[in-house]
C-alpha atoms as a PDB file:
ATOM      1  CA  UNK A   1      -0.021   0.074   0.032  1.00  0.00           C
ATOM      2  CA  UNK A   2       1.268   3.482  -0.899  1.00  0.00           C
ATOM      3  CA  UNK A   3       1.053   5.691   2.251  1.00  0.00           C
ATOM      4  CA  UNK A   4       2.713   8.915   3.123  1.00  0.00           C
ATOM      5  CA  UNK A   5       5.750   9.851   1.143  1.00  0.00           C
ATOM      6  CA  UNK A   6       8.851  10.113   3.225  1.00  0.00           C
ATOM      7  CA  UNK A   7      11.506  10.571   0.577  1.00  0.00           C
ATOM      8  CA  UNK A   8      10.986  12.283  -2.785  1.00  0.00           C
ATOM      9  CA  UNK A   9      13.238  12.861  -5.772  1.00  0.00           C
ATOM     10  CA  UNK A  10      12.089  15.354  -8.404  1.00  0.00           C
ATOM     11  CA  UNK A  11      13.739  15.609 -11.693  1.00  0.00           C
ATOM     12  CA  UNK A  12      17.269  14.875 -10.507  1.00  0.00           C
ATOM     13  CA  UNK A  13      20.137  15.538 -13.078  1.00  0.00           C
ATOM     14  CA  UNK A  14      23.731  14.533 -12.330  1.00  0.00           C
ATOM     15  CA  UNK A  15      26.879  14.864 -14.353  1.00  0.00           C
ATOM     16  CA  UNK A  16      30.111  12.797 -13.980  1.00  0.00           C
ATOM     17  CA  UNK A  17      33.225  13.763 -15.765  1.00  0.00           C
ATOM     18  CA  UNK A  18      31.307  15.917 -18.150  1.00  0.00           C
ATOM     19  CA  UNK A  19      28.759  13.270 -19.011  1.00  0.00           C
ATOM     20  CA  UNK A  20      25.302  13.445 -17.658  1.00  0.00           C
ATOM     21  CA  UNK A  21      24.482  10.214 -15.997  1.00  0.00           C
ATOM     22  CA  UNK A  22      21.132  10.990 -14.358  1.00  0.00           C
ATOM     23  CA  UNK A  23      18.622  12.566 -16.773  1.00  0.00           C
ATOM     24  CA  UNK A  24      15.717  13.538 -14.774  1.00  0.00           C
ATOM     25  CA  UNK A  25      15.188  10.887 -12.073  1.00  0.00           C
ATOM     26  CA  UNK A  26      11.955  11.156  -9.997  1.00  0.00           C
ATOM     27  CA  UNK A  27      11.212   8.435  -7.434  1.00  0.00           C
ATOM     28  CA  UNK A  28       9.169   8.304  -4.252  1.00  0.00           C
ATOM     29  CA  UNK A  29       9.662   6.198  -1.094  1.00  0.00           C
ATOM     30  CA  UNK A  30       6.606   5.966   1.196  1.00  0.00           C
ATOM     31  CA  UNK A  31       6.794   5.519   5.085  1.00  0.00           C
ATOM     32  CA  UNK A  32       7.506   2.025   6.216  1.00  0.00           C
ATOM     33  CA  UNK A  33       7.776   0.874   2.585  1.00  0.00           C
ATOM     34  CA  UNK A  34      10.351  -0.843   0.434  1.00  0.00           C
ATOM     35  CA  UNK A  35      11.053   0.518  -2.997  1.00  0.00           C
ATOM     36  CA  UNK A  36      13.572  -1.161  -5.381  1.00  0.00           C
ATOM     37  CA  UNK A  37      15.542   0.108  -8.405  1.00  0.00           C
ATOM     38  CA  UNK A  38      16.645  -2.455 -10.991  1.00  0.00           C
ATOM     39  CA  UNK A  39      18.507  -2.047 -14.241  1.00  0.00           C
ATOM     40  CA  UNK A  40      21.593  -2.838 -16.176  1.00  0.00           C
ATOM     41  CA  UNK A  41      25.008  -1.659 -15.015  1.00  0.00           C
ATOM     42  CA  UNK A  42      25.480   1.991 -15.795  1.00  0.00           C
ATOM     43  CA  UNK A  43      21.837   2.685 -15.674  1.00  0.00           C
ATOM     44  CA  UNK A  44      22.255   5.117 -12.708  1.00  0.00           C
ATOM     45  CA  UNK A  45      21.232   3.240  -9.704  1.00  0.00           C
ATOM     46  CA  UNK A  46      24.247   3.516  -7.561  1.00  0.00           C
ATOM     47  CA  UNK A  47      24.534   7.211  -8.618  1.00  0.00           C
ATOM     48  CA  UNK A  48      21.056   7.803  -7.414  1.00  0.00           C
ATOM     49  CA  UNK A  49      21.766   6.346  -3.994  1.00  0.00           C
ATOM     50  CA  UNK A  50      25.015   8.437  -3.801  1.00  0.00           C
ATOM     51  CA  UNK A  51      23.032  11.646  -4.643  1.00  0.00           C
ATOM     52  CA  UNK A  52      20.395  10.975  -1.975  1.00  0.00           C
ATOM     53  CA  UNK A  53      23.046  10.283   0.654  1.00  0.00           C
ATOM     54  CA  UNK A  54      24.840  13.514  -0.239  1.00  0.00           C
ATOM     55  CA  UNK A  55      28.076  11.860  -1.384  1.00  0.00           C
ATOM     56  CA  UNK A  56      27.266  13.565  -4.879  1.00  0.00           C
ATOM     57  CA  UNK A  57      25.519  16.785  -5.629  1.00  0.00           C
ATOM     58  CA  UNK A  58      22.907  16.895  -8.295  1.00  0.00           C
ATOM     59  CA  UNK A  59      23.124  19.469 -11.234  1.00  0.00           C
ATOM     60  CA  UNK A  60      19.403  20.209 -10.682  1.00  0.00           C
ATOM     61  CA  UNK A  61      16.320  18.896  -9.265  1.00  0.00           C
ATOM     62  CA  UNK A  62      15.164  18.506  -5.592  1.00  0.00           C
ATOM     63  CA  UNK A  63      15.328  15.935  -2.892  1.00  0.00           C
ATOM     64  CA  UNK A  64      12.949  16.085   0.076  1.00  0.00           C
ATOM     65  CA  UNK A  65      12.854  14.163   3.224  1.00  0.00           C
ATOM     66  CA  UNK A  66       9.607  14.517   5.209  1.00  0.00           C
ATOM     67  CA  UNK A  67       8.850  17.500   2.902  1.00  0.00           C
ATOM     68  CA  UNK A  68      12.127  19.404   3.577  1.00  0.00           C
ATOM     69  CA  UNK A  69      14.837  19.799   1.046  1.00  0.00           C
ATOM     70  CA  UNK A  70      18.123  17.893   1.655  1.00  0.00           C
ATOM     71  CA  UNK A  71      19.959  18.095  -1.602  1.00  0.00           C
ATOM     72  CA  UNK A  72      21.949  21.077  -0.319  1.00  0.00           C
ATOM     73  CA  UNK A  73      23.012  19.358   2.962  1.00  0.00           C
ATOM     74  CA  UNK A  74      26.382  17.626   3.504  1.00  0.00           C
ATOM     75  CA  UNK A  75      26.509  13.738   3.793  1.00  0.00           C
ATOM     76  CA  UNK A  76      26.962  14.064   7.510  1.00  0.00           C
ATOM     77  CA  UNK A  77      23.888  16.222   7.900  1.00  0.00           C
ATOM     78  CA  UNK A  78      21.808  13.769   5.861  1.00  0.00           C
ATOM     79  CA  UNK A  79      23.017  10.941   7.947  1.00  0.00           C
ATOM     80  CA  UNK A  80      21.957  12.864  11.102  1.00  0.00           C
ATOM     81  CA  UNK A  81      18.581  13.288   9.458  1.00  0.00           C
ATOM     82  CA  UNK A  82      18.213   9.521   9.467  1.00  0.00           C
ATOM     83  CA  UNK A  83      19.298   8.409   5.919  1.00  0.00           C
ATOM     84  CA  UNK A  84      22.045   5.787   5.981  1.00  0.00           C
ATOM     85  CA  UNK A  85      23.770   4.223   2.948  1.00  0.00           C
ATOM     86  CA  UNK A  86      24.870   0.681   2.814  1.00  0.00           C
ATOM     87  CA  UNK A  87      27.462   0.842   0.148  1.00  0.00           C
ATOM     88  CA  UNK A  88      28.295  -1.501  -2.619  1.00  0.00           C
ATOM     89  CA  UNK A  89      31.049  -4.077  -1.927  1.00  0.00           C
ATOM     90  CA  UNK A  90      30.778  -3.824   1.843  1.00  0.00           C
ATOM     91  CA  UNK A  91      33.478  -1.134   2.410  1.00  0.00           C
ATOM     92  CA  UNK A  92      34.516  -2.169   5.960  1.00  0.00           C
ATOM     93  CA  UNK A  93      37.565  -1.286   8.095  1.00  0.00           C
ATOM     94  CA  UNK A  94      39.332  -4.598   7.494  1.00  0.00           C
ATOM     95  CA  UNK A  95      41.966  -4.273  10.436  1.00  0.00           C
ATOM     96  CA  UNK A  96      39.256  -3.477  12.851  1.00  0.00           C
ATOM     97  CA  UNK A  97      37.186  -6.256  14.593  1.00  0.00           C
ATOM     98  CA  UNK A  98      33.598  -6.980  13.694  1.00  0.00           C
ATOM     99  CA  UNK A  99      32.439  -5.245  17.044  1.00  0.00           C
ATOM    100  CA  UNK A 100      34.471  -2.171  16.268  1.00  0.00           C
ATOM    101  CA  UNK A 101      33.072  -1.897  12.619  1.00  0.00           C
ATOM    102  CA  UNK A 102      29.584  -2.234  14.130  1.00  0.00           C
ATOM    103  CA  UNK A 103      30.219   0.445  16.815  1.00  0.00           C
ATOM    104  CA  UNK A 104      31.595   2.855  14.147  1.00  0.00           C
ATOM    105  CA  UNK A 105      27.969   2.913  12.713  1.00  0.00           C
ATOM    106  CA  UNK A 106      26.909   4.633  15.975  1.00  0.00           C
ATOM    107  CA  UNK A 107      29.649   7.355  16.191  1.00  0.00           C
ATOM    108  CA  UNK A 108      27.252  10.303  15.855  1.00  0.00           C
ATOM    109  CA  UNK A 109      25.074   9.023  18.769  1.00  0.00           C
ATOM    110  CA  UNK A 110      25.334   9.795  22.390  1.00  0.00           C
ATOM    111  CA  UNK A 111      22.810   7.447  23.826  1.00  0.00           C
ATOM    112  CA  UNK A 112      25.095   4.579  25.164  1.00  0.00           C
ATOM    113  CA  UNK A 113      22.256   2.630  26.636  1.00  0.00           C
ATOM    114  CA  UNK A 114      20.364   2.618  23.281  1.00  0.00           C
ATOM    115  CA  UNK A 115      23.487   1.785  21.459  1.00  0.00           C
ATOM    116  CA  UNK A 116      24.000  -1.370  23.490  1.00  0.00           C
ATOM    117  CA  UNK A 117      20.427  -2.360  22.923  1.00  0.00           C
ATOM    118  CA  UNK A 118      20.877  -1.813  18.991  1.00  0.00           C
ATOM    119  CA  UNK A 119      23.888  -3.953  19.149  1.00  0.00           C
ATOM    120  CA  UNK A 120      22.096  -6.756  20.664  1.00  0.00           C
ATOM    121  CA  UNK A 121      19.363  -6.280  17.957  1.00  0.00           C
ATOM    122  CA  UNK A 122      22.053  -6.631  15.201  1.00  0.00           C
ATOM    123  CA  UNK A 123      23.407  -9.777  16.789  1.00  0.00           C
ATOM    124  CA  UNK A 124      19.890 -11.113  16.794  1.00  0.00           C
ATOM    125  CA  UNK A 125      19.507 -10.405  13.173  1.00  0.00           C
ATOM    126  CA  UNK A 126      23.097 -11.867  12.383  1.00  0.00           C
ATOM    127  CA  UNK A 127      24.071 -14.544  15.110  1.00  0.00           C
ATOM    128  CA  UNK A 128      27.174 -15.162  13.133  1.00  0.00           C
ATOM    129  CA  UNK A 129      28.473 -11.552  14.002  1.00  0.00           C
ATOM    130  CA  UNK A 130      28.254 -12.176  17.654  1.00  0.00           C
ATOM    131  CA  UNK A 131      30.383 -15.362  17.252  1.00  0.00           C
ATOM    132  CA  UNK A 132      32.892 -13.359  15.321  1.00  0.00           C
ATOM    133  CA  UNK A 133      32.687 -10.059  17.272  1.00  0.00           C
ATOM    134  CA  UNK A 134      36.464 -10.071  18.098  1.00  0.00           C
ATOM    135  CA  UNK A 135      37.480 -11.261  14.570  1.00  0.00           C
ATOM    136  CA  UNK A 136      39.032  -8.929  11.991  1.00  0.00           C
ATOM    137  CA  UNK A 137      36.595  -7.910   9.423  1.00  0.00           C
ATOM    138  CA  UNK A 138      39.116  -8.299   6.688  1.00  0.00           C
ATOM    139  CA  UNK A 139      39.334 -11.950   7.390  1.00  0.00           C
ATOM    140  CA  UNK A 140      35.489 -12.653   7.012  1.00  0.00           C
ATOM    141  CA  UNK A 141      33.668 -14.293   4.091  1.00  0.00           C
ATOM    142  CA  UNK A 142      31.750 -12.195   1.639  1.00  0.00           C
ATOM    143  CA  UNK A 143      28.433 -13.081   3.207  1.00  0.00           C
ATOM    144  CA  UNK A 144      29.668 -12.260   6.655  1.00  0.00           C
ATOM    145  CA  UNK A 145      31.170  -8.819   5.458  1.00  0.00           C
ATOM    146  CA  UNK A 146      27.730  -7.952   3.964  1.00  0.00           C
ATOM    147  CA  UNK A 147      26.190  -8.809   7.331  1.00  0.00           C
ATOM    148  CA  UNK A 148      28.551  -6.320   9.042  1.00  0.00           C
ATOM    149  CA  UNK A 149      27.917  -3.635   6.478  1.00  0.00           C
ATOM    150  CA  UNK A 150      24.006  -4.007   7.017  1.00  0.00           C
ATOM    151  CA  UNK A 151      24.544  -4.164  10.827  1.00  0.00           C
ATOM    152  CA  UNK A 152      26.917  -1.202  10.924  1.00  0.00           C
ATOM    153  CA  UNK A 153      24.230   0.817   9.077  1.00  0.00           C
ATOM    154  CA  UNK A 154      21.529  -0.143  11.494  1.00  0.00           C
ATOM    155  CA  UNK A 155      23.669   1.111  14.360  1.00  0.00           C
ATOM    156  CA  UNK A 156      23.161   4.655  13.085  1.00  0.00           C
ATOM    157  CA  UNK A 157      19.337   3.923  13.979  1.00  0.00           C
ATOM    158  CA  UNK A 158      18.197   5.021  10.418  1.00  0.00           C
ATOM    159  CA  UNK A 159      14.646   6.073   9.322  1.00  0.00           C
ATOM    160  CA  UNK A 160      15.567   5.321   5.715  1.00  0.00           C
ATOM    161  CA  UNK A 161      18.044   2.651   4.664  1.00  0.00           C
ATOM    162  CA  UNK A 162      19.674   2.900   1.269  1.00  0.00           C
ATOM    163  CA  UNK A 163      20.922  -0.516   0.220  1.00  0.00           C
ATOM    164  CA  UNK A 164      23.309  -0.795  -2.861  1.00  0.00           C
ATOM    165  CA  UNK A 165      23.560  -4.382  -4.203  1.00  0.00           C
ATOM    166  CA  UNK A 166      23.493  -6.210  -0.824  1.00  0.00           C
ATOM    167  CA  UNK A 167      23.270  -9.620  -2.470  1.00  0.00           C
ATOM    168  CA  UNK A 168      26.287  -9.057  -5.020  1.00  0.00           C
ATOM    169  CA  UNK A 169      28.613 -12.042  -4.995  1.00  0.00           C
ATOM    170  CA  UNK A 170      26.650 -14.123  -2.475  1.00  0.00           C
ATOM    171  CA  UNK A 171      25.489 -17.733  -2.698  1.00  0.00           C
ATOM    172  CA  UNK A 172      21.791 -18.332  -3.455  1.00  0.00           C
ATOM    173  CA  UNK A 173      21.397 -19.280   0.195  1.00  0.00           C
ATOM    174  CA  UNK A 174      22.886 -16.095   1.471  1.00  0.00           C
ATOM    175  CA  UNK A 175      20.800 -14.156  -1.035  1.00  0.00           C
ATOM    176  CA  UNK A 176      17.588 -15.730   0.491  1.00  0.00           C
ATOM    177  CA  UNK A 177      18.915 -14.786   4.008  1.00  0.00           C
ATOM    178  CA  UNK A 178      19.618 -11.140   3.008  1.00  0.00           C
ATOM    179  CA  UNK A 179      16.173 -10.819   1.344  1.00  0.00           C
ATOM    180  CA  UNK A 180      14.646 -12.161   4.583  1.00  0.00           C
ATOM    181  CA  UNK A 181      16.639  -9.723   6.783  1.00  0.00           C
ATOM    182  CA  UNK A 182      15.564  -6.765   4.632  1.00  0.00           C
ATOM    183  CA  UNK A 183      11.887  -7.732   5.245  1.00  0.00           C
ATOM    184  CA  UNK A 184      12.605  -8.083   9.050  1.00  0.00           C
ATOM    185  CA  UNK A 185      14.269  -4.744   9.060  1.00  0.00           C
ATOM    186  CA  UNK A 186      11.392  -3.157   7.192  1.00  0.00           C
ATOM    187  CA  UNK A 187       8.924  -4.648   9.763  1.00  0.00           C
ATOM    188  CA  UNK A 188      10.709  -2.626  12.476  1.00  0.00           C
ATOM    189  CA  UNK A 189       9.464   0.582  10.659  1.00  0.00           C
ATOM    190  CA  UNK A 190      12.564   1.358   8.586  1.00  0.00           C
ATOM    191  CA  UNK A 191      11.859   2.534   5.014  1.00  0.00           C
ATOM    192  CA  UNK A 192      14.127   1.014   2.620  1.00  0.00           C
ATOM    193  CA  UNK A 193      15.550   1.810  -1.083  1.00  0.00           C
ATOM    194  CA  UNK A 194      17.013  -1.332  -2.369  1.00  0.00           C
ATOM    195  CA  UNK A 195      19.227  -1.328  -5.449  1.00  0.00           C
ATOM    196  CA  UNK A 196      19.824  -4.789  -6.890  1.00  0.00           C
ATOM    197  CA  UNK A 197      21.129  -6.626  -9.910  1.00  0.00           C
ATOM    198  CA  UNK A 198      19.233  -9.547  -8.754  1.00  0.00           C
ATOM    199  CA  UNK A 199      15.977  -8.357  -9.990  1.00  0.00           C
ATOM    200  CA  UNK A 200      13.974 -11.489  -8.900  1.00  0.00           C
ATOM    201  CA  UNK A 201      15.032 -11.020  -5.249  1.00  0.00           C
ATOM    202  CA  UNK A 202      14.335  -7.152  -5.374  1.00  0.00           C
ATOM    203  CA  UNK A 203      10.927  -7.592  -6.975  1.00  0.00           C
ATOM    204  CA  UNK A 204       9.846 -10.037  -4.418  1.00  0.00           C
ATOM    205  CA  UNK A 205      11.043  -8.118  -1.435  1.00  0.00           C
ATOM    206  CA  UNK A 206       9.864  -4.615  -2.490  1.00  0.00           C
ATOM    207  CA  UNK A 207       6.310  -3.314  -2.841  1.00  0.00           C
ATOM    208  CA  UNK A 208       7.039  -0.813  -5.685  1.00  0.00           C
ATOM    209  CA  UNK A 209       9.729  -0.665  -8.201  1.00  0.00           C
ATOM    210  CA  UNK A 210      11.557   1.473 -10.694  1.00  0.00           C
ATOM    211  CA  UNK A 211      13.291   0.223 -13.878  1.00  0.00           C
ATOM    212  CA  UNK A 212      16.236   2.520 -14.833  1.00  0.00           C
ATOM    213  CA  UNK A 213      17.648   2.708 -18.268  1.00  0.00           C
ATOM    214  CA  UNK A 214      20.409   5.124 -19.297  1.00  0.00           C
ATOM    215  CA  UNK A 215      19.823   7.585 -16.385  1.00  0.00           C
ATOM    216  CA  UNK A 216      15.980   7.657 -16.696  1.00  0.00           C
ATOM    217  CA  UNK A 217      13.140   5.751 -15.090  1.00  0.00           C
ATOM    218  CA  UNK A 218      11.932   3.711 -17.972  1.00  0.00           C
ATOM    219  CA  UNK A 219       9.107   1.816 -16.104  1.00  0.00           C
ATOM    220  CA  UNK A 220       7.610   2.009 -12.568  1.00  0.00           C
ATOM    221  CA  UNK A 221       4.815   0.356 -10.676  1.00  0.00           C
ATOM    222  CA  UNK A 222       3.842  -2.164  -8.042  1.00  0.00           C
ATOM    223  CA  UNK A 223       6.212  -5.014  -7.975  1.00  0.00           C
ATOM    224  CA  UNK A 224       3.341  -7.587  -8.301  1.00  0.00           C
ATOM    225  CA  UNK A 225       2.678  -5.945 -11.775  1.00  0.00           C
ATOM    226  CA  UNK A 226       6.320  -5.367 -12.772  1.00  0.00           C
ATOM    227  CA  UNK A 227       7.047  -9.257 -12.282  1.00  0.00           C
ATOM    228  CA  UNK A 228       4.531 -10.044 -15.152  1.00  0.00           C
ATOM    229  CA  UNK A 229       5.646  -7.070 -17.393  1.00  0.00           C
ATOM    230  CA  UNK A 230       7.006  -8.526 -20.706  1.00  0.00           C
ATOM    231  CA  UNK A 231      10.030  -6.111 -20.730  1.00  0.00           C
ATOM    232  CA  UNK A 232      11.016  -6.937 -17.120  1.00  0.00           C
ATOM    233  CA  UNK A 233      10.479 -10.677 -17.565  1.00  0.00           C
ATOM    234  CA  UNK A 234      12.545 -10.818 -20.797  1.00  0.00           C
ATOM    235  CA  UNK A 235      15.323  -8.356 -19.901  1.00  0.00           C
ATOM    236  CA  UNK A 236      15.793  -8.768 -16.173  1.00  0.00           C
ATOM    237  CA  UNK A 237      14.243 -12.053 -15.063  1.00  0.00           C
ATOM    238  CA  UNK A 238      15.500 -14.120 -18.086  1.00  0.00           C
ATOM    239  CA  UNK A 239      12.009 -15.410 -18.753  1.00  0.00           C
END
């Protein structure tokens, strides 16, 4: 169900190296909802997340969070607002322990008691991280590193979670686990924008989807409808 819009991108343009890579992206995320973006490499999915999180600045257009413009804010200010990015390829601090990486996610917070409670919640989502709390993050498997990346983002206590290719390089079993974790996180009231190469997983997890092609939204709609769209089935689901 589409409820109150929490995050809104309106006609976002972005240029990289002189080439315009976003050509008027407009997407909405509703409160307590999951929206996904699918598309080929170079379609603009990761760039869109980086623009939302303030790591890149748009040439034009507006981004609103709870109705207030955030496209002029720094990435730190956007993080404080409650928008957290889980970057592609799990960029962790390899020489730090799992515990230290997770705690880094709460560095802007002062509520020590709540931080401890949130750490316990992360360990509940990912029991394997509790077992490896003292292990160097750089020695973890790909799936475990992805768990740390998601857990670290949750430690910031986000209102919106931007997830960039969380299933990349994972086994089918781990993809299913990450998909279930995304649903569990959403049940807690966290709104999610999910970028995925694995279109089948994304469309089954999200309720609303956007298909990006060459920096534009080529198609959008309820994921139940997109799954049966001929273009989506042939191009992204291999049917």
